């Protein structure tokens, strides 16, 4: 069974991915492969904070814990995917990405979510 750290290398090698950070729930970097100029520690800390906030929103809406969060902005798309065991994979999508394919691949990297009912 591949380790969580293997997910960093697996997704960073994809042509539709520009960078990857594996982070803990506390916002610590477990592994990263990012373009130059991006700081993994800063990104991990902010991603963990965003994930906690959006998880609270999901709970308030009655949706439960999000398994994936997509940030689609004019300069790029970022995806946060819960991998279980207190880890999240942040993926920076490449410019010419088929988002549905990447989301599907990321869902395959995560363990099944428990039934919220």
PDB file of N, CA and C in Angstrom:
ATOM      1  N   UNK A   1       0.848  -1.191   0.000  1.00  0.00           N
ATOM      2  CA  UNK A   1       0.000   0.000   0.000  1.00  0.00           C
ATOM      3  C   UNK A   1       0.885   1.243   0.000  1.00  0.00           C
ATOM      4  N   UNK A   2       0.645   2.174  -0.933  1.00  0.00           N
ATOM      5  CA  UNK A   2       1.480   3.369  -0.993  1.00  0.00           C
ATOM      6  C   UNK A   2       1.280   4.243   0.246  1.00  0.00           C
ATOM      7  N   UNK A   3       2.333   4.935   0.622  1.00  0.00           N
ATOM      8  CA  UNK A   3       2.246   5.837   1.770  1.00  0.00           C
ATOM      9  C   UNK A   3       1.618   7.162   1.342  1.00  0.00           C
ATOM     10  N   UNK A   4       1.212   7.952   2.336  1.00  0.00           N
ATOM     11  CA  UNK A   4       0.663   9.273   2.030  1.00  0.00           C
ATOM     12  C   UNK A   4       1.706  10.129   1.325  1.00  0.00           C
ATOM     13  N   UNK A   5       2.963   9.992   1.721  1.00  0.00           N
ATOM     14  CA  UNK A   5       4.023  10.778   1.086  1.00  0.00           C
ATOM     15  C   UNK A   5       4.173  10.415  -0.390  1.00  0.00           C
ATOM     16  N   UNK A   6       3.865   9.162  -0.750  1.00  0.00           N
ATOM     17  CA  UNK A   6       3.926   8.761  -2.161  1.00  0.00           C
ATOM     18  C   UNK A   6       2.932   9.563  -3.003  1.00  0.00           C
ATOM     19  N   UNK A   7       1.842  10.005  -2.388  1.00  0.00           N
ATOM     20  CA  UNK A   7       0.841  10.794  -3.115  1.00  0.00           C
ATOM     21  C   UNK A   7       1.435  12.094  -3.632  1.00  0.00           C
ATOM     22  N   UNK A   8       2.362  12.677  -2.874  1.00  0.00           N
ATOM     23  CA  UNK A   8       3.008  13.916  -3.324  1.00  0.00           C
ATOM     24  C   UNK A   8       3.714  13.675  -4.649  1.00  0.00           C
ATOM     25  N   UNK A   9       4.529  12.647  -4.716  1.00  0.00           N
ATOM     26  CA  UNK A   9       5.298  12.370  -5.933  1.00  0.00           C
ATOM     27  C   UNK A   9       4.395  11.917  -7.080  1.00  0.00           C
ATOM     28  N   UNK A  10       3.393  11.116  -6.762  1.00  0.00           N
ATOM     29  CA  UNK A  10       2.480  10.616  -7.783  1.00  0.00           C
ATOM     30  C   UNK A  10       1.750  11.761  -8.467  1.00  0.00           C
ATOM     31  N   UNK A  11       1.205  12.681  -7.672  1.00  0.00           N
ATOM     32  CA  UNK A  11       0.436  13.775  -8.269  1.00  0.00           C
ATOM     33  C   UNK A  11       1.334  14.856  -8.849  1.00  0.00           C
ATOM     34  N   UNK A  12       2.492  15.101  -8.255  1.00  0.00           N
ATOM     35  CA  UNK A  12       3.405  16.103  -8.809  1.00  0.00           C
ATOM     36  C   UNK A  12       3.905  15.694 -10.193  1.00  0.00           C
ATOM     37  N   UNK A  13       3.947  14.400 -10.471  1.00  0.00           N
ATOM     38  CA  UNK A  13       4.420  13.904 -11.764  1.00  0.00           C
ATOM     39  C   UNK A  13       3.375  14.021 -12.867  1.00  0.00           C
ATOM     40  N   UNK A  14       2.130  14.302 -12.496  1.00  0.00           N
ATOM     41  CA  UNK A  14       1.066  14.397 -13.507  1.00  0.00           C
ATOM     42  C   UNK A  14       1.219  15.681 -14.323  1.00  0.00           C
ATOM     43  N   UNK A  15       0.966  15.628 -15.627  1.00  0.00           N
ATOM     44  CA  UNK A  15       1.090  16.832 -16.457  1.00  0.00           C
ATOM     45  C   UNK A  15       0.027  17.887 -16.158  1.00  0.00           C
ATOM     46  N   UNK A  16      -1.071  17.484 -15.513  1.00  0.00           N
ATOM     47  CA  UNK A  16      -2.135  18.445 -15.198  1.00  0.00           C
ATOM     48  C   UNK A  16      -1.967  19.057 -13.805  1.00  0.00           C
ATOM     49  N   UNK A  17      -0.813  18.828 -13.175  1.00  0.00           N
ATOM     50  CA  UNK A  17      -0.547  19.340 -11.828  1.00  0.00           C
ATOM     51  C   UNK A  17       0.700  20.218 -11.851  1.00  0.00           C
ATOM     52  N   UNK A  18       0.585  21.414 -11.247  1.00  0.00           N
ATOM     53  CA  UNK A  18       1.717  22.349 -11.181  1.00  0.00           C
ATOM     54  C   UNK A  18       2.466  22.254  -9.858  1.00  0.00           C
ATOM     55  N   UNK A  19       1.813  21.762  -8.812  1.00  0.00           N
ATOM     56  CA  UNK A  19       2.473  21.652  -7.520  1.00  0.00           C
ATOM     57  C   UNK A  19       1.594  20.919  -6.531  1.00  0.00           C
ATOM     58  N   UNK A  20       2.234  20.397  -5.461  1.00  0.00           N
ATOM     59  CA  UNK A  20       1.534  19.591  -4.471  1.00  0.00           C
ATOM     60  C   UNK A  20       2.107  19.876  -3.090  1.00  0.00           C
ATOM     61  N   UNK A  21       1.211  19.931  -2.091  1.00  0.00           N
ATOM     62  CA  UNK A  21       1.629  19.987  -0.683  1.00  0.00           C
ATOM     63  C   UNK A  21       0.799  18.966   0.082  1.00  0.00           C
ATOM     64  N   UNK A  22       1.456  18.112   0.832  1.00  0.00           N
ATOM     65  CA  UNK A  22       0.793  17.214   1.767  1.00  0.00           C
ATOM     66  C   UNK A  22       0.924  17.860   3.131  1.00  0.00           C
ATOM     67  N   UNK A  23      -0.217  18.114   3.786  1.00  0.00           N
ATOM     68  CA  UNK A  23      -0.191  18.822   5.060  1.00  0.00           C
ATOM     69  C   UNK A  23      -0.979  18.087   6.118  1.00  0.00           C
ATOM     70  N   UNK A  24      -0.600  18.339   7.360  1.00  0.00           N
ATOM     71  CA  UNK A  24      -1.324  17.774   8.497  1.00  0.00           C
ATOM     72  C   UNK A  24      -2.510  18.676   8.827  1.00  0.00           C
ATOM     73  N   UNK A  25      -3.413  18.177   9.654  1.00  0.00           N
ATOM     74  CA  UNK A  25      -4.555  18.988  10.083  1.00  0.00           C
ATOM     75  C   UNK A  25      -4.116  20.238  10.821  1.00  0.00           C
ATOM     76  N   UNK A  26      -2.917  20.204  11.400  1.00  0.00           N
ATOM     77  CA  UNK A  26      -2.389  21.350  12.130  1.00  0.00           C
ATOM     78  C   UNK A  26      -1.711  22.358  11.205  1.00  0.00           C
ATOM     79  N   UNK A  27      -1.616  22.045   9.921  1.00  0.00           N
ATOM     80  CA  UNK A  27      -1.008  22.953   8.958  1.00  0.00           C
ATOM     81  C   UNK A  27       0.486  22.775   8.801  1.00  0.00           C
ATOM     82  N   UNK A  28       1.009  21.623   9.220  1.00  0.00           N
ATOM     83  CA  UNK A  28       2.435  21.347   9.059  1.00  0.00           C
ATOM     84  C   UNK A  28       2.680  20.635   7.731  1.00  0.00           C
ATOM     85  N   UNK A  29       3.797  20.935   7.108  1.00  0.00           N
ATOM     86  CA  UNK A  29       4.150  20.324   5.832  1.00  0.00           C
ATOM     87  C   UNK A  29       4.682  18.921   6.089  1.00  0.00           C
ATOM     88  N   UNK A  30       4.074  17.941   5.430  1.00  0.00           N
ATOM     89  CA  UNK A  30       4.547  16.561   5.476  1.00  0.00           C
ATOM     90  C   UNK A  30       5.434  16.294   4.261  1.00  0.00           C
ATOM     91  N   UNK A  31       5.061  16.880   3.140  1.00  0.00           N
ATOM     92  CA  UNK A  31       5.839  16.764   1.908  1.00  0.00           C
ATOM     93  C   UNK A  31       5.362  17.807   0.923  1.00  0.00           C
ATOM     94  N   UNK A  32       6.234  18.220   0.014  1.00  0.00           N
ATOM     95  CA  UNK A  32       5.830  19.243  -0.955  1.00  0.00           C
ATOM     96  C   UNK A  32       6.718  19.203  -2.189  1.00  0.00           C
ATOM     97  N   UNK A  33       6.092  19.487  -3.312  1.00  0.00           N
ATOM     98  CA  UNK A  33       6.783  19.732  -4.570  1.00  0.00           C
ATOM     99  C   UNK A  33       6.049  20.898  -5.213  1.00  0.00           C
ATOM    100  N   UNK A  34       6.654  22.086  -5.105  1.00  0.00           N
ATOM    101  CA  UNK A  34       6.021  23.313  -5.565  1.00  0.00           C
ATOM    102  C   UNK A  34       6.913  24.065  -6.551  1.00  0.00           C
ATOM    103  N   UNK A  35       6.296  24.895  -7.385  1.00  0.00           N
ATOM    104  CA  UNK A  35       7.095  25.772  -8.242  1.00  0.00           C
ATOM    105  C   UNK A  35       7.909  26.738  -7.377  1.00  0.00           C
ATOM    106  N   UNK A  36       9.021  27.195  -7.902  1.00  0.00           N
ATOM    107  CA  UNK A  36       9.841  28.141  -7.147  1.00  0.00           C
ATOM    108  C   UNK A  36       9.040  29.407  -6.856  1.00  0.00           C
ATOM    109  N   UNK A  37       9.318  29.980  -5.717  1.00  0.00           N
ATOM    110  CA  UNK A  37       8.634  31.200  -5.299  1.00  0.00           C
ATOM    111  C   UNK A  37       7.447  30.954  -4.392  1.00  0.00           C
ATOM    112  N   UNK A  38       6.996  29.716  -4.275  1.00  0.00           N
ATOM    113  CA  UNK A  38       5.892  29.390  -3.375  1.00  0.00           C
ATOM    114  C   UNK A  38       6.451  28.734  -2.120  1.00  0.00           C
ATOM    115  N   UNK A  39       5.980  29.169  -0.966  1.00  0.00           N
ATOM    116  CA  UNK A  39       6.468  28.659   0.309  1.00  0.00           C
ATOM    117  C   UNK A  39       5.509  27.617   0.868  1.00  0.00           C
ATOM    118  N   UNK A  40       5.981  26.392   0.963  1.00  0.00           N
ATOM    119  CA  UNK A  40       5.141  25.277   1.412  1.00  0.00           C
ATOM    120  C   UNK A  40       4.591  25.509   2.813  1.00  0.00           C
ATOM    121  N   UNK A  41       5.392  26.056   3.715  1.00  0.00           N
ATOM    122  CA  UNK A  41       4.941  26.257   5.102  1.00  0.00           C
ATOM    123  C   UNK A  41       3.781  27.243   5.174  1.00  0.00           C
ATOM    124  N   UNK A  42       3.876  28.326   4.428  1.00  0.00           N
ATOM    125  CA  UNK A  42       2.805  29.325   4.412  1.00  0.00           C
ATOM    126  C   UNK A  42       1.540  28.745   3.797  1.00  0.00           C
ATOM    127  N   UNK A  43       1.695  28.060   2.676  1.00  0.00           N
ATOM    128  CA  UNK A  43       0.546  27.464   1.994  1.00  0.00           C
ATOM    129  C   UNK A  43      -0.138  26.433   2.882  1.00  0.00           C
ATOM    130  N   UNK A  44       0.642  25.587   3.545  1.00  0.00           N
ATOM    131  CA  UNK A  44       0.067  24.553   4.411  1.00  0.00           C
ATOM    132  C   UNK A  44      -0.709  25.165   5.572  1.00  0.00           C
ATOM    133  N   UNK A  45      -0.149  26.188   6.195  1.00  0.00           N
ATOM    134  CA  UNK A  45      -0.827  26.832   7.325  1.00  0.00           C
ATOM    135  C   UNK A  45      -2.142  27.464   6.881  1.00  0.00           C
ATOM    136  N   UNK A  46      -2.121  28.170   5.764  1.00  0.00           N
ATOM    137  CA  UNK A  46      -3.347  28.806   5.262  1.00  0.00           C
ATOM    138  C   UNK A  46      -4.372  27.776   4.795  1.00  0.00           C
ATOM    139  N   UNK A  47      -3.909  26.704   4.168  1.00  0.00           N
ATOM    140  CA  UNK A  47      -4.821  25.661   3.700  1.00  0.00           C
ATOM    141  C   UNK A  47      -5.518  24.977   4.864  1.00  0.00           C
ATOM    142  N   UNK A  48      -4.786  24.713   5.942  1.00  0.00           N
ATOM    143  CA  UNK A  48      -5.393  24.071   7.112  1.00  0.00           C
ATOM    144  C   UNK A  48      -6.446  24.979   7.739  1.00  0.00           C
ATOM    145  N   UNK A  49      -6.154  26.268   7.796  1.00  0.00           N
ATOM    146  CA  UNK A  49      -7.124  27.227   8.336  1.00  0.00           C
ATOM    147  C   UNK A  49      -8.376  27.287   7.456  1.00  0.00           C
ATOM    148  N   UNK A  50      -8.178  27.349   6.147  1.00  0.00           N
ATOM    149  CA  UNK A  50      -9.320  27.382   5.215  1.00  0.00           C
ATOM    150  C   UNK A  50     -10.143  26.112   5.328  1.00  0.00           C
ATOM    151  N   UNK A  51      -9.470  24.988   5.443  1.00  0.00           N
ATOM    152  CA  UNK A  51     -10.183  23.714   5.542  1.00  0.00           C
ATOM    153  C   UNK A  51     -11.027  23.653   6.817  1.00  0.00           C
ATOM    154  N   UNK A  52     -10.473  24.102   7.933  1.00  0.00           N
ATOM    155  CA  UNK A  52     -11.250  24.115   9.188  1.00  0.00           C
ATOM    156  C   UNK A  52     -12.472  25.019   9.056  1.00  0.00           C
ATOM    157  N   UNK A  53     -12.283  26.192   8.458  1.00  0.00           N
ATOM    158  CA  UNK A  53     -13.392  27.140   8.298  1.00  0.00           C
ATOM    159  C   UNK A  53     -14.473  26.567   7.385  1.00  0.00           C
ATOM    160  N   UNK A  54     -14.067  25.984   6.264  1.00  0.00           N
ATOM    161  CA  UNK A  54     -15.046  25.435   5.324  1.00  0.00           C
ATOM    162  C   UNK A  54     -15.701  24.165   5.859  1.00  0.00           C
ATOM    163  N   UNK A  55     -14.997  23.421   6.710  1.00  0.00           N
ATOM    164  CA  UNK A  55     -15.606  22.268   7.367  1.00  0.00           C
ATOM    165  C   UNK A  55     -16.702  22.742   8.319  1.00  0.00           C
ATOM    166  N   UNK A  56     -16.450  23.838   9.031  1.00  0.00           N
ATOM    167  CA  UNK A  56     -17.478  24.407   9.900  1.00  0.00           C
ATOM    168  C   UNK A  56     -18.683  24.868   9.095  1.00  0.00           C
ATOM    169  N   UNK A  57     -18.432  25.478   7.944  1.00  0.00           N
ATOM    170  CA  UNK A  57     -19.532  25.895   7.077  1.00  0.00           C
ATOM    171  C   UNK A  57     -20.325  24.683   6.603  1.00  0.00           C
ATOM    172  N   UNK A  58     -19.642  23.637   6.176  1.00  0.00           N
ATOM    173  CA  UNK A  58     -20.323  22.419   5.737  1.00  0.00           C
ATOM    174  C   UNK A  58     -21.185  21.829   6.836  1.00  0.00           C
ATOM    175  N   UNK A  59     -20.674  21.828   8.063  1.00  0.00           N
ATOM    176  CA  UNK A  59     -21.452  21.321   9.196  1.00  0.00           C
ATOM    177  C   UNK A  59     -22.676  22.191   9.452  1.00  0.00           C
ATOM    178  N   UNK A  60     -22.497  23.513   9.401  1.00  0.00           N
ATOM    179  CA  UNK A  60     -23.616  24.429   9.625  1.00  0.00           C
ATOM    180  C   UNK A  60     -24.694  24.262   8.561  1.00  0.00           C
ATOM    181  N   UNK A  61     -24.288  23.907   7.356  1.00  0.00           N
ATOM    182  CA  UNK A  61     -25.243  23.693   6.264  1.00  0.00           C
ATOM    183  C   UNK A  61     -25.851  22.295   6.279  1.00  0.00           C
ATOM    184  N   UNK A  62     -25.334  21.437   7.165  1.00  0.00           N
ATOM    185  CA  UNK A  62     -25.830  20.076   7.237  1.00  0.00           C
ATOM    186  C   UNK A  62     -25.221  19.140   6.209  1.00  0.00           C
ATOM    187  N   UNK A  63     -24.113  19.553   5.592  1.00  0.00           N
ATOM    188  CA  UNK A  63     -23.468  18.735   4.559  1.00  0.00           C
ATOM    189  C   UNK A  63     -22.424  17.777   5.118  1.00  0.00           C
ATOM    190  N   UNK A  64     -21.981  17.994   6.331  1.00  0.00           N
ATOM    191  CA  UNK A  64     -20.931  17.163   6.909  1.00  0.00           C
ATOM    192  C   UNK A  64     -19.549  17.659   6.518  1.00  0.00           C
ATOM    193  N   UNK A  65     -18.569  16.808   6.707  1.00  0.00           N
ATOM    194  CA  UNK A  65     -17.176  17.159   6.439  1.00  0.00           C
ATOM    195  C   UNK A  65     -16.896  17.034   4.947  1.00  0.00           C
ATOM    196  N   UNK A  66     -16.307  18.072   4.377  1.00  0.00           N
ATOM    197  CA  UNK A  66     -15.979  18.064   2.954  1.00  0.00           C
ATOM    198  C   UNK A  66     -14.825  17.106   2.675  1.00  0.00           C
ATOM    199  N   UNK A  67     -14.956  16.311   1.643  1.00  0.00           N
ATOM    200  CA  UNK A  67     -13.851  15.446   1.233  1.00  0.00           C
ATOM    201  C   UNK A  67     -12.939  16.172   0.246  1.00  0.00           C
ATOM    202  N   UNK A  68     -13.507  17.138  -0.498  1.00  0.00           N
ATOM    203  CA  UNK A  68     -12.727  17.954  -1.419  1.00  0.00           C
ATOM    204  C   UNK A  68     -13.229  19.385  -1.389  1.00  0.00           C
ATOM    205  N   UNK A  69     -12.281  20.297  -1.533  1.00  0.00           N
ATOM    206  CA  UNK A  69     -12.583  21.726  -1.627  1.00  0.00           C
ATOM    207  C   UNK A  69     -11.863  22.248  -2.858  1.00  0.00           C
ATOM    208  N   UNK A  70     -12.577  22.955  -3.721  1.00  0.00           N
ATOM    209  CA  UNK A  70     -11.990  23.497  -4.941  1.00  0.00           C
ATOM    210  C   UNK A  70     -12.021  25.018  -4.868  1.00  0.00           C
ATOM    211  N   UNK A  71     -10.842  25.625  -5.059  1.00  0.00           N
ATOM    212  CA  UNK A  71     -10.719  27.080  -5.132  1.00  0.00           C
ATOM    213  C   UNK A  71     -10.401  27.418  -6.576  1.00  0.00           C
ATOM    214  N   UNK A  72     -11.366  28.006  -7.259  1.00  0.00           N
ATOM    215  CA  UNK A  72     -11.200  28.365  -8.658  1.00  0.00           C
ATOM    216  C   UNK A  72     -11.071  29.874  -8.740  1.00  0.00           C
ATOM    217  N   UNK A  73      -9.903  30.359  -9.088  1.00  0.00           N
ATOM    218  CA  UNK A  73      -9.622  31.788  -9.135  1.00  0.00           C
ATOM    219  C   UNK A  73      -9.102  32.159 -10.526  1.00  0.00           C
ATOM    220  N   UNK A  74      -9.094  33.444 -10.861  1.00  0.00           N
ATOM    221  CA  UNK A  74      -8.652  33.841 -12.200  1.00  0.00           C
ATOM    222  C   UNK A  74      -7.242  33.357 -12.574  1.00  0.00           C
ATOM    223  N   UNK A  75      -6.350  33.242 -11.598  1.00  0.00           N
ATOM    224  CA  UNK A  75      -4.966  32.847 -11.908  1.00  0.00           C
ATOM    225  C   UNK A  75      -4.694  31.361 -11.694  1.00  0.00           C
ATOM    226  N   UNK A  76      -5.733  30.576 -11.362  1.00  0.00           N
ATOM    227  CA  UNK A  76      -5.502  29.153 -11.208  1.00  0.00           C
ATOM    228  C   UNK A  76      -6.513  28.462 -10.316  1.00  0.00           C
ATOM    229  N   UNK A  77      -6.427  27.139 -10.300  1.00  0.00           N
ATOM    230  CA  UNK A  77      -7.330  26.308  -9.507  1.00  0.00           C
ATOM    231  C   UNK A  77      -6.516  25.502  -8.515  1.00  0.00           C
ATOM    232  N   UNK A  78      -6.999  25.463  -7.275  1.00  0.00           N
ATOM    233  CA  UNK A  78      -6.371  24.698  -6.202  1.00  0.00           C
ATOM    234  C   UNK A  78      -7.408  23.751  -5.625  1.00  0.00           C
ATOM    235  N   UNK A  79      -6.983  22.524  -5.343  1.00  0.00           N
ATOM    236  CA  UNK A  79      -7.887  21.508  -4.803  1.00  0.00           C
ATOM    237  C   UNK A  79      -7.311  20.972  -3.504  1.00  0.00           C
ATOM    238  N   UNK A  80      -8.131  20.937  -2.469  1.00  0.00           N
ATOM    239  CA  UNK A  80      -7.774  20.305  -1.200  1.00  0.00           C
ATOM    240  C   UNK A  80      -8.552  19.001  -1.107  1.00  0.00           C
ATOM    241  N   UNK A  81      -7.852  17.896  -0.872  1.00  0.00           N
ATOM    242  CA  UNK A  81      -8.489  16.586  -0.767  1.00  0.00           C
ATOM    243  C   UNK A  81      -8.066  15.928   0.535  1.00  0.00           C
ATOM    244  N   UNK A  82      -9.051  15.576   1.369  1.00  0.00           N
ATOM    245  CA  UNK A  82      -8.768  14.861   2.618  1.00  0.00           C
ATOM    246  C   UNK A  82      -8.295  13.456   2.291  1.00  0.00           C
ATOM    247  N   UNK A  83      -7.188  13.062   2.903  1.00  0.00           N
ATOM    248  CA  UNK A  83      -6.667  11.720   2.694  1.00  0.00           C
ATOM    249  C   UNK A  83      -6.882  10.840   3.908  1.00  0.00           C
ATOM    250  N   UNK A  84      -7.560  11.338   4.911  1.00  0.00           N
ATOM    251  CA  UNK A  84      -7.741  10.576   6.142  1.00  0.00           C
ATOM    252  C   UNK A  84      -6.475  10.637   6.964  1.00  0.00           C
ATOM    253  N   UNK A  85      -6.490  10.002   8.123  1.00  0.00           N
ATOM    254  CA  UNK A  85      -5.322   9.947   9.007  1.00  0.00           C
ATOM    255  C   UNK A  85      -4.758  11.327   9.303  1.00  0.00           C
ATOM    256  N   UNK A  86      -5.614  12.351   9.314  1.00  0.00           N
ATOM    257  CA  UNK A  86      -5.172  13.705   9.649  1.00  0.00           C
ATOM    258  C   UNK A  86      -4.358  14.391   8.579  1.00  0.00           C
ATOM    259  N   UNK A  87      -4.492  13.972   7.328  1.00  0.00           N
ATOM    260  CA  UNK A  87      -3.696  14.539   6.241  1.00  0.00           C
ATOM    261  C   UNK A  87      -4.583  15.051   5.116  1.00  0.00           C
ATOM    262  N   UNK A  88      -4.085  16.087   4.452  1.00  0.00           N
ATOM    263  CA  UNK A  88      -4.768  16.676   3.309  1.00  0.00           C
ATOM    264  C   UNK A  88      -3.760  16.884   2.204  1.00  0.00           C
ATOM    265  N   UNK A  89      -4.180  16.634   0.975  1.00  0.00           N
ATOM    266  CA  UNK A  89      -3.346  16.873  -0.195  1.00  0.00           C
ATOM    267  C   UNK A  89      -3.856  18.129  -0.888  1.00  0.00           C
ATOM    268  N   UNK A  90      -2.979  19.125  -1.024  1.00  0.00           N
ATOM    269  CA  UNK A  90      -3.293  20.344  -1.757  1.00  0.00           C
ATOM    270  C   UNK A  90      -2.636  20.223  -3.124  1.00  0.00           C
ATOM    271  N   UNK A  91      -3.426  20.402  -4.175  1.00  0.00           N
ATOM    272  CA  UNK A  91      -2.923  20.281  -5.538  1.00  0.00           C
ATOM    273  C   UNK A  91      -3.180  21.579  -6.283  1.00  0.00           C
ATOM    274  N   UNK A  92      -2.122  22.119  -6.881  1.00  0.00           N
ATOM    275  CA  UNK A  92      -2.237  23.274  -7.768  1.00  0.00           C
ATOM    276  C   UNK A  92      -2.405  22.726  -9.179  1.00  0.00           C
ATOM    277  N   UNK A  93      -3.553  22.978  -9.768  1.00  0.00           N
ATOM    278  CA  UNK A  93      -3.806  22.479 -11.119  1.00  0.00           C
ATOM    279  C   UNK A  93      -2.977  23.268 -12.125  1.00  0.00           C
ATOM    280  N   UNK A  94      -2.489  22.575 -13.146  1.00  0.00           N
ATOM    281  CA  UNK A  94      -1.765  23.239 -14.228  1.00  0.00           C
ATOM    282  C   UNK A  94      -2.750  24.081 -15.038  1.00  0.00           C
ATOM    283  N   UNK A  95      -2.215  24.988 -15.833  1.00  0.00           N
ATOM    284  CA  UNK A  95      -3.066  25.900 -16.603  1.00  0.00           C
ATOM    285  C   UNK A  95      -4.045  25.179 -17.513  1.00  0.00           C
ATOM    286  N   UNK A  96      -3.585  24.211 -18.264  1.00  0.00           N
ATOM    287  CA  UNK A  96      -4.451  23.504 -19.216  1.00  0.00           C
ATOM    288  C   UNK A  96      -4.867  22.173 -18.595  1.00  0.00           C
ATOM    289  N   UNK A  97      -5.814  22.239 -17.670  1.00  0.00           N
ATOM    290  CA  UNK A  97      -6.220  21.036 -16.954  1.00  0.00           C
ATOM    291  C   UNK A  97      -7.664  20.679 -17.287  1.00  0.00           C
ATOM    292  N   UNK A  98      -7.909  19.391 -17.397  1.00  0.00           N
ATOM    293  CA  UNK A  98      -9.281  18.898 -17.468  1.00  0.00           C
ATOM    294  C   UNK A  98      -9.649  18.612 -16.020  1.00  0.00           C
ATOM    295  N   UNK A  99     -10.325  19.557 -15.393  1.00  0.00           N
ATOM    296  CA  UNK A  99     -10.573  19.517 -13.954  1.00  0.00           C
ATOM    297  C   UNK A  99     -11.304  18.249 -13.520  1.00  0.00           C
ATOM    298  N   UNK A 100     -12.243  17.771 -14.299  1.00  0.00           N
ATOM    299  CA  UNK A 100     -12.995  16.566 -13.934  1.00  0.00           C
ATOM    300  C   UNK A 100     -12.063  15.360 -13.795  1.00  0.00           C
ATOM    301  N   UNK A 101     -11.101  15.233 -14.702  1.00  0.00           N
ATOM    302  CA  UNK A 101     -10.152  14.113 -14.628  1.00  0.00           C
ATOM    303  C   UNK A 101      -9.296  14.199 -13.374  1.00  0.00           C
ATOM    304  N   UNK A 102      -8.821  15.400 -13.062  1.00  0.00           N
ATOM    305  CA  UNK A 102      -7.981  15.576 -11.882  1.00  0.00           C
ATOM    306  C   UNK A 102      -8.780  15.326 -10.603  1.00  0.00           C
ATOM    307  N   UNK A 103      -9.995  15.835 -10.530  1.00  0.00           N
ATOM    308  CA  UNK A 103     -10.837  15.597  -9.350  1.00  0.00           C
ATOM    309  C   UNK A 103     -11.096  14.102  -9.160  1.00  0.00           C
ATOM    310  N   UNK A 104     -11.347  13.404 -10.247  1.00  0.00           N
ATOM    311  CA  UNK A 104     -11.581  11.962 -10.168  1.00  0.00           C
ATOM    312  C   UNK A 104     -10.340  11.234  -9.645  1.00  0.00           C
ATOM    313  N   UNK A 105      -9.186  11.595 -10.141  1.00  0.00           N
ATOM    314  CA  UNK A 105      -7.940  10.967  -9.688  1.00  0.00           C
ATOM    315  C   UNK A 105      -7.699  11.245  -8.211  1.00  0.00           C
ATOM    316  N   UNK A 106      -7.979  12.460  -7.780  1.00  0.00           N
ATOM    317  CA  UNK A 106      -7.788  12.806  -6.368  1.00  0.00           C
ATOM    318  C   UNK A 106      -8.763  12.054  -5.478  1.00  0.00           C
ATOM    319  N   UNK A 107      -9.984  11.899  -5.916  1.00  0.00           N
ATOM    320  CA  UNK A 107     -10.950  11.128  -5.123  1.00  0.00           C
ATOM    321  C   UNK A 107     -10.490   9.686  -4.965  1.00  0.00           C
ATOM    322  N   UNK A 108      -9.832   9.153  -5.983  1.00  0.00           N
ATOM    323  CA  UNK A 108      -9.301   7.800  -5.900  1.00  0.00           C
ATOM    324  C   UNK A 108      -8.152   7.664  -4.915  1.00  0.00           C
ATOM    325  N   UNK A 109      -7.483   8.776  -4.602  1.00  0.00           N
ATOM    326  CA  UNK A 109      -6.373   8.756  -3.648  1.00  0.00           C
ATOM    327  C   UNK A 109      -6.846   8.787  -2.208  1.00  0.00           C
ATOM    328  N   UNK A 110      -8.088   9.207  -2.010  1.00  0.00           N
ATOM    329  CA  UNK A 110      -8.641   9.345  -0.647  1.00  0.00           C
ATOM    330  C   UNK A 110      -9.407   8.109  -0.239  1.00  0.00           C
ATOM    331  N   UNK A 111      -9.380   7.793   1.061  1.00  0.00           N
ATOM    332  CA  UNK A 111     -10.203   6.668   1.526  1.00  0.00           C
ATOM    333  C   UNK A 111     -11.674   7.026   1.426  1.00  0.00           C
ATOM    334  N   UNK A 112     -12.565   6.046   1.365  1.00  0.00           N
ATOM    335  CA  UNK A 112     -13.990   6.353   1.295  1.00  0.00           C
ATOM    336  C   UNK A 112     -14.442   7.148   2.521  1.00  0.00           C
ATOM    337  N   UNK A 113     -15.315   8.118   2.283  1.00  0.00           N
ATOM    338  CA  UNK A 113     -15.846   8.926   3.382  1.00  0.00           C
ATOM    339  C   UNK A 113     -16.918   8.134   4.113  1.00  0.00           C
ATOM    340  N   UNK A 114     -16.991   8.305   5.441  1.00  0.00           N
ATOM    341  CA  UNK A 114     -18.065   7.630   6.170  1.00  0.00           C
ATOM    342  C   UNK A 114     -19.409   8.213   5.784  1.00  0.00           C
ATOM    343  N   UNK A 115     -20.434   7.399   5.840  1.00  0.00           N
ATOM    344  CA  UNK A 115     -21.796   7.846   5.544  1.00  0.00           C
ATOM    345  C   UNK A 115     -22.221   8.853   6.605  1.00  0.00           C
ATOM    346  N   UNK A 116     -22.619  10.097   6.198  1.00  0.00           N
ATOM    347  CA  UNK A 116     -22.971  11.125   7.172  1.00  0.00           C
ATOM    348  C   UNK A 116     -24.280  10.849   7.912  1.00  0.00           C
ATOM    349  N   UNK A 117     -25.028   9.827   7.525  1.00  0.00           N
ATOM    350  CA  UNK A 117     -26.303   9.546   8.199  1.00  0.00           C
ATOM    351  C   UNK A 117     -26.139   8.598   9.347  1.00  0.00           C
TER     352      UNK A 117
END
